[in-house]
Amino acid sequence: MKHSKLLILSFISSLLIILVTFFQWDLVDAITEFLMLPVWLVVYAFFIIITVCTLIHLFKTKKWQPLAIQLIAIVLWIYFPFNQVNLDLNFKMHQNKREEVAAKIENRIIKPNVPHSPSLIQLPKDYRGLSKGGGEVVLETKGKTRSILFFTYRGMPDGFSGFVYNPNDDRPLKSDFDGDIKEIERVHKNWYYVSSD
């Protein structure tokens, strides 16, 4: 394989690995976990094949640039916190709109509207992008206080993650939202990130 062609393929395979890793949860939300499996398989197989080709190329020609690109991608893939950066961006980009929704829920402008579940709200069309997995939020009512869960991931059949808004800044409990919450992290005043299995 020509050096220039391998260099381009190395760059493409590395870029694909990084993009799929960074946007994997957005892709899962768009095409489901089941359809994401072939995407992961193709991208990772392509990357492995190109990595093997770059190793062979290095031994044959002593040109290291394609392999260097692959190694940089591997180091980034292992050590760069793609999920955390994605979550931080998600929170900052949508915080104001989510607080707008929370105020409308508190003021009973937006009410539970899913017949089989009194704690579930299908958000109006303008707000559906604020909660993954169908544009629904979940209410957890304790006395007069309502916590609101905006999904960042909604697994099938179990497991979820998301941002919880609580007007009193009360930390969610591990049993809230009918889940077995494993991770609770305060991200901002009145906001917590939660993750369940």
N, C-alpha and C. Protein backbone atom coordinates (compact mmCIF):
# COMPACT_ATOMS: atom_id res chain seq x y z
N MET A 1 0.85 -1.18 0.00
CA MET A 1 0.00 0.00 0.00
C MET A 1 0.90 1.24 0.00
N LYS A 2 0.53 2.22 -0.80
CA LYS A 2 1.31 3.45 -0.88
C LYS A 2 1.27 4.19 0.45
N HIS A 3 2.38 4.84 0.74
CA HIS A 3 2.51 5.59 2.01
C HIS A 3 1.42 6.66 2.14
N SER A 4 1.19 7.43 1.06
CA SER A 4 0.20 8.52 1.13
C SER A 4 -1.21 7.97 1.37
N LYS A 5 -1.54 6.86 0.71
CA LYS A 5 -2.87 6.25 0.88
C LYS A 5 -3.03 5.73 2.32
N LEU A 6 -2.00 5.08 2.85
CA LEU A 6 -2.05 4.56 4.22
C LEU A 6 -2.14 5.70 5.23
N LEU A 7 -1.47 6.78 4.95
CA LEU A 7 -1.53 7.96 5.83
C LEU A 7 -2.96 8.50 5.90
N ILE A 8 -3.62 8.57 4.75
CA ILE A 8 -5.02 9.05 4.71
C ILE A 8 -5.94 8.07 5.43
N LEU A 9 -5.78 6.77 5.16
CA LEU A 9 -6.62 5.77 5.82
C LEU A 9 -6.39 5.75 7.33
N SER A 10 -5.16 5.96 7.74
CA SER A 10 -4.84 6.03 9.16
C SER A 10 -5.54 7.22 9.82
N PHE A 11 -5.49 8.34 9.14
CA PHE A 11 -6.16 9.54 9.66
C PHE A 11 -7.67 9.32 9.75
N ILE A 12 -8.26 8.74 8.70
CA ILE A 12 -9.71 8.50 8.67
C ILE A 12 -10.12 7.52 9.78
N SER A 13 -9.39 6.42 9.91
CA SER A 13 -9.76 5.42 10.93
C SER A 13 -9.63 6.00 12.34
N SER A 14 -8.60 6.81 12.57
CA SER A 14 -8.41 7.42 13.88
C SER A 14 -9.50 8.44 14.17
N LEU A 15 -9.83 9.23 13.16
CA LEU A 15 -10.90 10.23 13.32
C LEU A 15 -12.23 9.55 13.61
N LEU A 16 -12.52 8.46 12.89
CA LEU A 16 -13.77 7.72 13.12
C LEU A 16 -13.85 7.18 14.55
N ILE A 17 -12.75 6.61 15.04
CA ILE A 17 -12.73 6.08 16.42
C ILE A 17 -13.02 7.19 17.41
N ILE A 18 -12.39 8.34 17.23
CA ILE A 18 -12.57 9.46 18.16
C ILE A 18 -13.99 9.99 18.09
N LEU A 19 -14.52 10.18 16.89
CA LEU A 19 -15.88 10.71 16.74
C LEU A 19 -16.93 9.75 17.30
N VAL A 20 -16.79 8.46 16.99
CA VAL A 20 -17.76 7.49 17.50
C VAL A 20 -17.68 7.40 19.03
N THR A 21 -16.49 7.47 19.58
CA THR A 21 -16.35 7.44 21.05
C THR A 21 -16.97 8.67 21.68
N PHE A 22 -16.72 9.84 21.08
CA PHE A 22 -17.24 11.09 21.65
C PHE A 22 -18.76 11.16 21.55
N PHE A 23 -19.31 10.75 20.41
CA PHE A 23 -20.75 10.90 20.17
C PHE A 23 -21.53 9.60 20.34
N GLN A 24 -20.95 8.59 21.00
CA GLN A 24 -21.60 7.29 21.04
C GLN A 24 -22.99 7.33 21.69
N TRP A 25 -23.18 8.11 22.74
CA TRP A 25 -24.49 8.11 23.40
C TRP A 25 -25.51 8.89 22.60
N ASP A 26 -25.08 9.90 21.85
CA ASP A 26 -25.99 10.59 20.95
C ASP A 26 -26.41 9.66 19.81
N LEU A 27 -25.45 8.88 19.33
CA LEU A 27 -25.76 7.90 18.28
C LEU A 27 -26.69 6.80 18.78
N VAL A 28 -26.44 6.32 20.00
CA VAL A 28 -27.31 5.30 20.59
C VAL A 28 -28.73 5.83 20.69
N ASP A 29 -28.87 7.09 21.09
CA ASP A 29 -30.21 7.69 21.20
C ASP A 29 -30.87 7.80 19.83
N ALA A 30 -30.09 8.10 18.81
CA ALA A 30 -30.65 8.29 17.47
C ALA A 30 -30.99 6.97 16.78
N ILE A 31 -30.12 5.94 16.95
CA ILE A 31 -30.33 4.71 16.17
C ILE A 31 -30.54 3.45 17.03
N THR A 32 -30.57 3.56 18.32
CA THR A 32 -30.73 2.48 19.31
C THR A 32 -29.44 1.67 19.50
N GLU A 33 -29.37 1.01 20.63
CA GLU A 33 -28.20 0.19 20.97
C GLU A 33 -28.00 -0.95 19.98
N PHE A 34 -29.10 -1.53 19.53
CA PHE A 34 -29.02 -2.69 18.64
C PHE A 34 -28.39 -2.33 17.30
N LEU A 35 -28.75 -1.18 16.75
CA LEU A 35 -28.17 -0.75 15.48
C LEU A 35 -26.78 -0.15 15.67
N MET A 36 -26.47 0.24 16.92
CA MET A 36 -25.15 0.80 17.19
C MET A 36 -24.08 -0.29 17.19
N LEU A 37 -24.47 -1.52 17.53
CA LEU A 37 -23.49 -2.62 17.56
C LEU A 37 -22.76 -2.80 16.23
N PRO A 38 -23.46 -2.84 15.08
CA PRO A 38 -22.74 -2.96 13.82
C PRO A 38 -21.84 -1.74 13.53
N VAL A 39 -22.28 -0.56 13.96
CA VAL A 39 -21.45 0.64 13.75
C VAL A 39 -20.14 0.48 14.51
N TRP A 40 -20.23 0.11 15.81
CA TRP A 40 -19.02 -0.10 16.60
C TRP A 40 -18.13 -1.18 15.95
N LEU A 41 -18.75 -2.27 15.53
CA LEU A 41 -18.00 -3.37 14.94
C LEU A 41 -17.23 -2.93 13.69
N VAL A 42 -17.90 -2.21 12.81
CA VAL A 42 -17.26 -1.75 11.57
C VAL A 42 -16.13 -0.76 11.87
N VAL A 43 -16.41 0.21 12.74
CA VAL A 43 -15.40 1.25 13.04
C VAL A 43 -14.18 0.64 13.72
N TYR A 44 -14.40 -0.21 14.72
CA TYR A 44 -13.26 -0.81 15.43
C TYR A 44 -12.50 -1.80 14.54
N ALA A 45 -13.20 -2.57 13.73
CA ALA A 45 -12.53 -3.50 12.82
C ALA A 45 -11.68 -2.74 11.81
N PHE A 46 -12.24 -1.67 11.26
CA PHE A 46 -11.49 -0.83 10.31
C PHE A 46 -10.23 -0.28 10.98
N PHE A 47 -10.37 0.20 12.20
CA PHE A 47 -9.22 0.76 12.93
C PHE A 47 -8.15 -0.31 13.17
N ILE A 48 -8.56 -1.50 13.58
CA ILE A 48 -7.60 -2.58 13.85
C ILE A 48 -6.89 -3.00 12.57
N ILE A 49 -7.63 -3.12 11.49
CA ILE A 49 -7.02 -3.51 10.21
C ILE A 49 -5.99 -2.46 9.77
N ILE A 50 -6.35 -1.20 9.87
CA ILE A 50 -5.42 -0.14 9.47
C ILE A 50 -4.21 -0.11 10.40
N THR A 51 -4.42 -0.37 11.69
CA THR A 51 -3.28 -0.42 12.62
C THR A 51 -2.31 -1.53 12.25
N VAL A 52 -2.85 -2.69 11.92
CA VAL A 52 -1.98 -3.81 11.48
C VAL A 52 -1.23 -3.42 10.20
N CYS A 53 -1.93 -2.79 9.27
CA CYS A 53 -1.28 -2.35 8.03
C CYS A 53 -0.17 -1.34 8.30
N THR A 54 -0.38 -0.45 9.25
CA THR A 54 0.66 0.54 9.57
C THR A 54 1.89 -0.12 10.20
N LEU A 55 1.67 -1.17 10.99
CA LEU A 55 2.80 -1.92 11.57
C LEU A 55 3.61 -2.61 10.47
N ILE A 56 2.91 -3.26 9.55
CA ILE A 56 3.58 -3.92 8.42
C ILE A 56 4.35 -2.89 7.59
N HIS A 57 3.68 -1.76 7.34
CA HIS A 57 4.28 -0.67 6.57
C HIS A 57 5.55 -0.15 7.25
N LEU A 58 5.51 -0.04 8.57
CA LEU A 58 6.69 0.43 9.32
C LEU A 58 7.87 -0.51 9.12
N PHE A 59 7.63 -1.81 9.21
CA PHE A 59 8.71 -2.78 9.05
C PHE A 59 9.25 -2.83 7.62
N LYS A 60 8.36 -2.61 6.65
CA LYS A 60 8.79 -2.68 5.25
C LYS A 60 9.51 -1.41 4.80
N THR A 61 8.99 -0.25 5.18
CA THR A 61 9.49 1.01 4.64
C THR A 61 10.19 1.90 5.66
N LYS A 62 10.07 1.57 6.93
CA LYS A 62 10.64 2.38 8.02
C LYS A 62 9.98 3.76 8.13
N LYS A 63 8.78 3.90 7.56
CA LYS A 63 8.03 5.17 7.66
C LYS A 63 7.02 5.01 8.80
N TRP A 64 7.14 5.86 9.79
CA TRP A 64 6.41 5.70 11.05
C TRP A 64 5.16 6.57 11.17
N GLN A 65 4.95 7.53 10.28
CA GLN A 65 3.84 8.49 10.44
C GLN A 65 2.45 7.84 10.55
N PRO A 66 2.09 6.87 9.69
CA PRO A 66 0.76 6.26 9.83
C PRO A 66 0.57 5.57 11.19
N LEU A 67 1.60 4.86 11.64
CA LEU A 67 1.50 4.20 12.94
C LEU A 67 1.41 5.22 14.07
N ALA A 68 2.12 6.33 13.94
CA ALA A 68 2.06 7.38 14.96
C ALA A 68 0.64 7.92 15.10
N ILE A 69 -0.05 8.09 13.98
CA ILE A 69 -1.44 8.57 14.03
C ILE A 69 -2.31 7.56 14.78
N GLN A 70 -2.12 6.27 14.48
CA GLN A 70 -2.90 5.22 15.16
C GLN A 70 -2.60 5.23 16.67
N LEU A 71 -1.34 5.37 17.03
CA LEU A 71 -0.97 5.36 18.45
C LEU A 71 -1.53 6.57 19.19
N ILE A 72 -1.54 7.72 18.54
CA ILE A 72 -2.14 8.92 19.15
C ILE A 72 -3.62 8.67 19.40
N ALA A 73 -4.30 8.09 18.42
CA ALA A 73 -5.73 7.79 18.58
C ALA A 73 -5.96 6.81 19.72
N ILE A 74 -5.10 5.80 19.85
CA ILE A 74 -5.24 4.82 20.94
C ILE A 74 -5.05 5.48 22.29
N VAL A 75 -4.04 6.34 22.41
CA VAL A 75 -3.79 7.05 23.68
C VAL A 75 -4.98 7.94 24.03
N LEU A 76 -5.49 8.68 23.03
CA LEU A 76 -6.67 9.52 23.28
C LEU A 76 -7.87 8.67 23.69
N TRP A 77 -8.08 7.58 22.98
CA TRP A 77 -9.22 6.70 23.26
C TRP A 77 -9.16 6.16 24.68
N ILE A 78 -7.96 5.83 25.16
CA ILE A 78 -7.81 5.27 26.50
C ILE A 78 -7.87 6.34 27.60
N TYR A 79 -7.22 7.47 27.37
CA TYR A 79 -7.02 8.43 28.46
C TYR A 79 -7.90 9.68 28.43
N PHE A 80 -8.40 10.07 27.27
CA PHE A 80 -9.19 11.30 27.21
C PHE A 80 -10.62 11.02 27.68
N PRO A 81 -11.16 11.85 28.57
CA PRO A 81 -12.50 11.60 29.13
C PRO A 81 -13.63 12.05 28.18
N PHE A 82 -13.80 11.34 27.07
CA PHE A 82 -14.80 11.71 26.07
C PHE A 82 -16.20 11.83 26.66
N ASN A 83 -16.61 10.83 27.46
CA ASN A 83 -17.96 10.86 28.04
C ASN A 83 -18.16 12.06 28.95
N GLN A 84 -17.16 12.35 29.77
CA GLN A 84 -17.29 13.48 30.70
C GLN A 84 -17.38 14.80 29.95
N VAL A 85 -16.57 14.97 28.92
CA VAL A 85 -16.62 16.20 28.13
C VAL A 85 -17.98 16.32 27.44
N ASN A 86 -18.48 15.21 26.90
CA ASN A 86 -19.80 15.22 26.26
C ASN A 86 -20.89 15.60 27.25
N LEU A 87 -20.83 15.02 28.47
CA LEU A 87 -21.83 15.35 29.50
C LEU A 87 -21.73 16.81 29.92
N ASP A 88 -20.51 17.31 30.10
CA ASP A 88 -20.34 18.72 30.49
C ASP A 88 -20.91 19.65 29.44
N LEU A 89 -20.65 19.35 28.17
CA LEU A 89 -21.20 20.17 27.09
C LEU A 89 -22.72 20.09 27.06
N ASN A 90 -23.24 18.88 27.22
CA ASN A 90 -24.70 18.68 27.24
C ASN A 90 -25.33 19.51 28.34
N PHE A 91 -24.74 19.46 29.53
CA PHE A 91 -25.31 20.20 30.66
C PHE A 91 -25.28 21.70 30.39
N LYS A 92 -24.14 22.22 29.97
CA LYS A 92 -24.00 23.67 29.77
C LYS A 92 -24.87 24.17 28.63
N MET A 93 -24.98 23.39 27.55
CA MET A 93 -25.77 23.82 26.40
C MET A 93 -27.27 23.85 26.70
N HIS A 94 -27.73 22.95 27.58
CA HIS A 94 -29.18 22.82 27.79
C HIS A 94 -29.66 23.25 29.18
N GLN A 95 -28.76 23.76 30.01
CA GLN A 95 -29.14 24.09 31.39
C GLN A 95 -30.29 25.10 31.45
N ASN A 96 -30.20 26.20 30.71
CA ASN A 96 -31.24 27.23 30.77
C ASN A 96 -32.60 26.70 30.33
N LYS A 97 -32.61 25.95 29.24
CA LYS A 97 -33.89 25.39 28.75
C LYS A 97 -34.46 24.37 29.74
N ARG A 98 -33.58 23.57 30.34
CA ARG A 98 -34.05 22.59 31.33
C ARG A 98 -34.62 23.31 32.56
N GLU A 99 -34.00 24.40 32.96
CA GLU A 99 -34.53 25.17 34.10
C GLU A 99 -35.86 25.81 33.74
N GLU A 100 -36.01 26.20 32.48
CA GLU A 100 -37.29 26.73 32.00
C GLU A 100 -38.38 25.66 32.10
N VAL A 101 -38.05 24.44 31.70
CA VAL A 101 -39.00 23.32 31.80
C VAL A 101 -39.31 23.05 33.27
N ALA A 102 -38.30 23.04 34.12
CA ALA A 102 -38.50 22.78 35.55
C ALA A 102 -39.44 23.82 36.16
N ALA A 103 -39.28 25.08 35.78
CA ALA A 103 -40.17 26.14 36.29
C ALA A 103 -41.60 25.92 35.82
N LYS A 104 -41.76 25.48 34.57
CA LYS A 104 -43.10 25.23 34.05
C LYS A 104 -43.74 24.02 34.74
N ILE A 105 -42.94 23.04 35.10
CA ILE A 105 -43.48 21.89 35.84
C ILE A 105 -43.86 22.32 37.25
N GLU A 106 -43.01 23.10 37.90
CA GLU A 106 -43.30 23.58 39.26
C GLU A 106 -44.58 24.43 39.27
N ASN A 107 -44.78 25.23 38.23
CA ASN A 107 -45.95 26.11 38.15
C ASN A 107 -47.16 25.43 37.52
N ARG A 108 -47.04 24.09 37.28
CA ARG A 108 -48.11 23.27 36.75
C ARG A 108 -48.55 23.67 35.34
N ILE A 109 -47.65 24.34 34.61
CA ILE A 109 -47.94 24.65 33.20
C ILE A 109 -47.72 23.38 32.38
N ILE A 110 -46.67 22.64 32.71
CA ILE A 110 -46.44 21.33 32.12
C ILE A 110 -46.76 20.30 33.21
N LYS A 111 -47.67 19.37 32.91
CA LYS A 111 -48.12 18.40 33.91
C LYS A 111 -47.87 16.97 33.42
N PRO A 112 -47.88 16.00 34.35
CA PRO A 112 -47.80 14.60 33.91
C PRO A 112 -48.88 14.32 32.87
N ASN A 113 -48.48 13.67 31.79
CA ASN A 113 -49.42 13.50 30.67
C ASN A 113 -49.33 12.12 30.03
N VAL A 114 -48.68 11.18 30.72
CA VAL A 114 -48.59 9.82 30.20
C VAL A 114 -49.58 8.97 31.00
N PRO A 115 -50.65 8.45 30.36
CA PRO A 115 -51.73 7.79 31.09
C PRO A 115 -51.30 6.66 32.04
N HIS A 116 -50.35 5.83 31.64
CA HIS A 116 -49.98 4.68 32.47
C HIS A 116 -48.97 5.03 33.58
N SER A 117 -48.51 6.27 33.62
CA SER A 117 -47.51 6.64 34.63
C SER A 117 -47.70 8.08 35.10
N PRO A 118 -48.15 8.27 36.35
CA PRO A 118 -48.39 9.62 36.86
C PRO A 118 -47.11 10.42 37.13
N SER A 119 -45.95 9.78 37.03
CA SER A 119 -44.69 10.50 37.27
C SER A 119 -43.94 10.82 35.98
N LEU A 120 -44.54 10.50 34.85
CA LEU A 120 -43.87 10.67 33.56
C LEU A 120 -44.50 11.84 32.80
N ILE A 121 -43.63 12.66 32.18
CA ILE A 121 -44.10 13.77 31.37
C ILE A 121 -43.46 13.68 30.00
N GLN A 122 -44.29 13.63 28.97
CA GLN A 122 -43.81 13.75 27.59
C GLN A 122 -43.69 15.25 27.34
N LEU A 123 -42.46 15.71 27.13
CA LEU A 123 -42.23 17.14 26.97
C LEU A 123 -42.85 17.65 25.67
N PRO A 124 -43.26 18.93 25.68
CA PRO A 124 -43.74 19.53 24.42
C PRO A 124 -42.65 19.47 23.35
N LYS A 125 -43.05 19.55 22.11
CA LYS A 125 -42.15 19.35 20.97
C LYS A 125 -40.89 20.22 21.06
N ASP A 126 -41.04 21.47 21.48
CA ASP A 126 -39.90 22.40 21.53
C ASP A 126 -38.85 21.98 22.55
N TYR A 127 -39.22 21.13 23.51
CA TYR A 127 -38.31 20.75 24.60
C TYR A 127 -37.85 19.29 24.52
N ARG A 128 -38.31 18.51 23.56
CA ARG A 128 -38.04 17.07 23.54
C ARG A 128 -36.56 16.73 23.48
N GLY A 129 -35.75 17.57 22.86
CA GLY A 129 -34.32 17.31 22.75
C GLY A 129 -33.57 17.43 24.07
N LEU A 130 -34.26 17.88 25.12
CA LEU A 130 -33.61 18.06 26.42
C LEU A 130 -33.48 16.76 27.20
N SER A 131 -34.21 15.73 26.78
CA SER A 131 -34.20 14.45 27.49
C SER A 131 -34.15 13.33 26.46
N LYS A 132 -33.10 12.52 26.52
CA LYS A 132 -32.89 11.45 25.54
C LYS A 132 -33.90 10.32 25.73
N GLY A 133 -34.01 9.50 24.71
CA GLY A 133 -34.86 8.32 24.81
C GLY A 133 -36.34 8.60 24.65
N GLY A 134 -36.68 9.64 23.92
CA GLY A 134 -38.09 9.89 23.65
C GLY A 134 -38.62 11.22 24.13
N GLY A 135 -37.78 12.03 24.76
CA GLY A 135 -38.24 13.36 25.19
C GLY A 135 -39.13 13.35 26.41
N GLU A 136 -38.96 12.35 27.27
CA GLU A 136 -39.75 12.29 28.51
C GLU A 136 -38.86 12.61 29.70
N VAL A 137 -39.48 13.19 30.74
CA VAL A 137 -38.80 13.40 32.01
C VAL A 137 -39.59 12.65 33.08
N VAL A 138 -38.91 12.36 34.19
CA VAL A 138 -39.55 11.63 35.29
C VAL A 138 -39.55 12.52 36.52
N LEU A 139 -40.69 12.52 37.22
CA LEU A 139 -40.82 13.28 38.47
C LEU A 139 -40.65 12.36 39.66
N GLU A 140 -39.96 12.84 40.66
CA GLU A 140 -39.84 12.15 41.95
C GLU A 140 -40.38 13.14 42.98
N THR A 141 -41.55 12.82 43.56
CA THR A 141 -42.21 13.74 44.48
C THR A 141 -41.97 13.32 45.92
N LYS A 142 -41.48 14.28 46.72
CA LYS A 142 -41.27 14.07 48.15
C LYS A 142 -41.90 15.24 48.87
N GLY A 143 -43.07 15.00 49.47
CA GLY A 143 -43.80 16.11 50.08
C GLY A 143 -44.23 17.07 49.00
N LYS A 144 -43.83 18.34 49.15
CA LYS A 144 -44.18 19.35 48.15
C LYS A 144 -43.06 19.57 47.13
N THR A 145 -41.96 18.89 47.32
CA THR A 145 -40.82 19.08 46.44
C THR A 145 -40.80 18.02 45.34
N ARG A 146 -40.55 18.47 44.13
CA ARG A 146 -40.45 17.56 42.99
C ARG A 146 -39.06 17.64 42.39
N SER A 147 -38.43 16.50 42.27
CA SER A 147 -37.18 16.41 41.51
C SER A 147 -37.54 15.97 40.10
N ILE A 148 -36.77 16.44 39.13
CA ILE A 148 -37.05 16.14 37.73
C ILE A 148 -35.80 15.52 37.11
N LEU A 149 -35.97 14.36 36.50
CA LEU A 149 -34.87 13.66 35.83
C LEU A 149 -34.97 13.88 34.33
N PHE A 150 -33.92 14.50 33.76
CA PHE A 150 -33.76 14.65 32.32
C PHE A 150 -32.75 13.58 31.89
N PHE A 151 -33.15 12.67 31.03
CA PHE A 151 -32.28 11.57 30.64
C PHE A 151 -31.15 12.03 29.71
N THR A 152 -29.96 11.50 29.96
CA THR A 152 -28.87 11.61 28.99
C THR A 152 -28.67 10.25 28.32
N TYR A 153 -29.18 9.21 28.96
CA TYR A 153 -29.18 7.86 28.41
C TYR A 153 -30.34 7.13 29.04
N ARG A 154 -31.08 6.43 28.21
CA ARG A 154 -32.23 5.67 28.71
C ARG A 154 -32.14 4.26 28.17
N GLY A 155 -31.64 3.35 29.02
CA GLY A 155 -31.38 1.99 28.59
C GLY A 155 -32.64 1.17 28.43
N MET A 156 -32.43 0.02 27.81
CA MET A 156 -33.53 -0.93 27.62
C MET A 156 -33.11 -2.26 28.21
N PRO A 157 -33.83 -2.89 29.08
CA PRO A 157 -35.03 -2.38 29.74
C PRO A 157 -34.70 -1.52 30.97
N ASP A 158 -33.50 -1.70 31.52
CA ASP A 158 -33.13 -0.96 32.73
C ASP A 158 -31.94 -0.06 32.45
N GLY A 159 -31.56 0.64 33.47
CA GLY A 159 -30.39 1.49 33.38
C GLY A 159 -30.71 2.84 32.76
N PHE A 160 -30.18 3.86 33.38
CA PHE A 160 -30.37 5.20 32.85
C PHE A 160 -29.29 6.10 33.44
N SER A 161 -29.14 7.24 32.83
CA SER A 161 -28.32 8.30 33.41
C SER A 161 -28.97 9.61 33.02
N GLY A 162 -28.66 10.64 33.77
CA GLY A 162 -29.25 11.93 33.45
C GLY A 162 -28.97 12.97 34.49
N PHE A 163 -29.54 14.14 34.24
CA PHE A 163 -29.40 15.27 35.14
C PHE A 163 -30.69 15.44 35.94
N VAL A 164 -30.54 15.54 37.25
CA VAL A 164 -31.68 15.71 38.14
C VAL A 164 -31.71 17.15 38.63
N TYR A 165 -32.87 17.77 38.46
CA TYR A 165 -33.07 19.12 38.99
C TYR A 165 -33.88 19.02 40.28
N ASN A 166 -33.39 19.67 41.34
CA ASN A 166 -34.12 19.74 42.59
C ASN A 166 -34.10 21.19 43.06
N PRO A 167 -35.27 21.83 43.20
CA PRO A 167 -35.30 23.26 43.53
C PRO A 167 -34.69 23.59 44.90
N ASN A 168 -34.63 22.60 45.79
CA ASN A 168 -34.05 22.83 47.12
C ASN A 168 -32.59 22.37 47.20
N ASP A 169 -32.05 21.93 46.08
CA ASP A 169 -30.68 21.43 46.00
C ASP A 169 -30.46 20.20 46.88
N ASP A 170 -31.55 19.41 47.09
CA ASP A 170 -31.43 18.17 47.86
C ASP A 170 -30.80 17.09 46.99
N ARG A 171 -29.85 16.37 47.55
CA ARG A 171 -29.17 15.29 46.85
C ARG A 171 -30.16 14.14 46.62
N PRO A 172 -30.22 13.60 45.40
CA PRO A 172 -31.12 12.45 45.15
C PRO A 172 -30.69 11.24 46.00
N LEU A 173 -31.66 10.39 46.30
CA LEU A 173 -31.37 9.15 47.00
C LEU A 173 -31.07 8.05 45.97
N LYS A 174 -30.39 7.01 46.42
CA LYS A 174 -30.04 5.91 45.51
C LYS A 174 -31.28 5.20 44.97
N SER A 175 -32.39 5.28 45.68
CA SER A 175 -33.61 4.59 45.26
C SER A 175 -34.57 5.48 44.47
N ASP A 176 -34.22 6.74 44.25
CA ASP A 176 -35.10 7.65 43.52
C ASP A 176 -35.30 7.19 42.07
N PHE A 177 -36.40 7.61 41.51
CA PHE A 177 -36.75 7.34 40.11
C PHE A 177 -36.82 5.85 39.81
N ASP A 178 -37.24 5.08 40.81
CA ASP A 178 -37.39 3.62 40.69
C ASP A 178 -36.13 2.97 40.15
N GLY A 179 -34.99 3.50 40.53
CA GLY A 179 -33.74 2.94 40.03
C GLY A 179 -32.81 2.55 41.15
N ASP A 180 -31.78 1.87 40.78
CA ASP A 180 -30.71 1.52 41.70
C ASP A 180 -29.54 2.42 41.32
N ILE A 181 -29.58 3.66 41.78
CA ILE A 181 -28.60 4.65 41.36
C ILE A 181 -27.25 4.34 41.97
N LYS A 182 -26.25 4.24 41.10
CA LYS A 182 -24.88 3.91 41.53
C LYS A 182 -24.01 5.14 41.68
N GLU A 183 -24.28 6.17 40.88
CA GLU A 183 -23.44 7.36 40.88
C GLU A 183 -24.31 8.60 41.06
N ILE A 184 -23.92 9.44 41.99
CA ILE A 184 -24.60 10.73 42.21
C ILE A 184 -23.51 11.78 42.35
N GLU A 185 -23.56 12.78 41.47
CA GLU A 185 -22.53 13.81 41.49
C GLU A 185 -23.19 15.18 41.31
N ARG A 186 -22.87 16.09 42.21
CA ARG A 186 -23.41 17.46 42.09
C ARG A 186 -22.66 18.17 40.97
N VAL A 187 -23.42 18.75 40.02
CA VAL A 187 -22.78 19.43 38.90
C VAL A 187 -22.98 20.94 38.94
N HIS A 188 -23.97 21.39 39.68
CA HIS A 188 -24.27 22.83 39.76
C HIS A 188 -25.31 22.99 40.85
N LYS A 189 -25.54 24.21 41.30
CA LYS A 189 -26.59 24.44 42.29
C LYS A 189 -27.92 23.91 41.75
N ASN A 190 -28.56 23.07 42.53
CA ASN A 190 -29.85 22.44 42.19
C ASN A 190 -29.75 21.32 41.15
N TRP A 191 -28.56 20.97 40.70
CA TRP A 191 -28.39 19.97 39.65
C TRP A 191 -27.44 18.86 40.08
N TYR A 192 -27.84 17.62 39.77
CA TYR A 192 -27.03 16.44 40.05
C TYR A 192 -27.01 15.54 38.82
N TYR A 193 -25.88 14.91 38.61
CA TYR A 193 -25.81 13.88 37.57
C TYR A 193 -25.98 12.53 38.28
N VAL A 194 -26.85 11.68 37.74
CA VAL A 194 -27.07 10.35 38.32
C VAL A 194 -26.91 9.30 37.24
N SER A 195 -26.48 8.11 37.68
CA SER A 195 -26.33 6.99 36.76
C SER A 195 -26.75 5.72 37.46
N SER A 196 -27.52 4.90 36.77
CA SER A 196 -28.03 3.65 37.33
C SER A 196 -27.66 2.50 36.41
N ASP A 197 -27.65 1.28 36.95
CA ASP A 197 -27.39 0.09 36.13
C ASP A 197 -28.67 -0.42 35.52
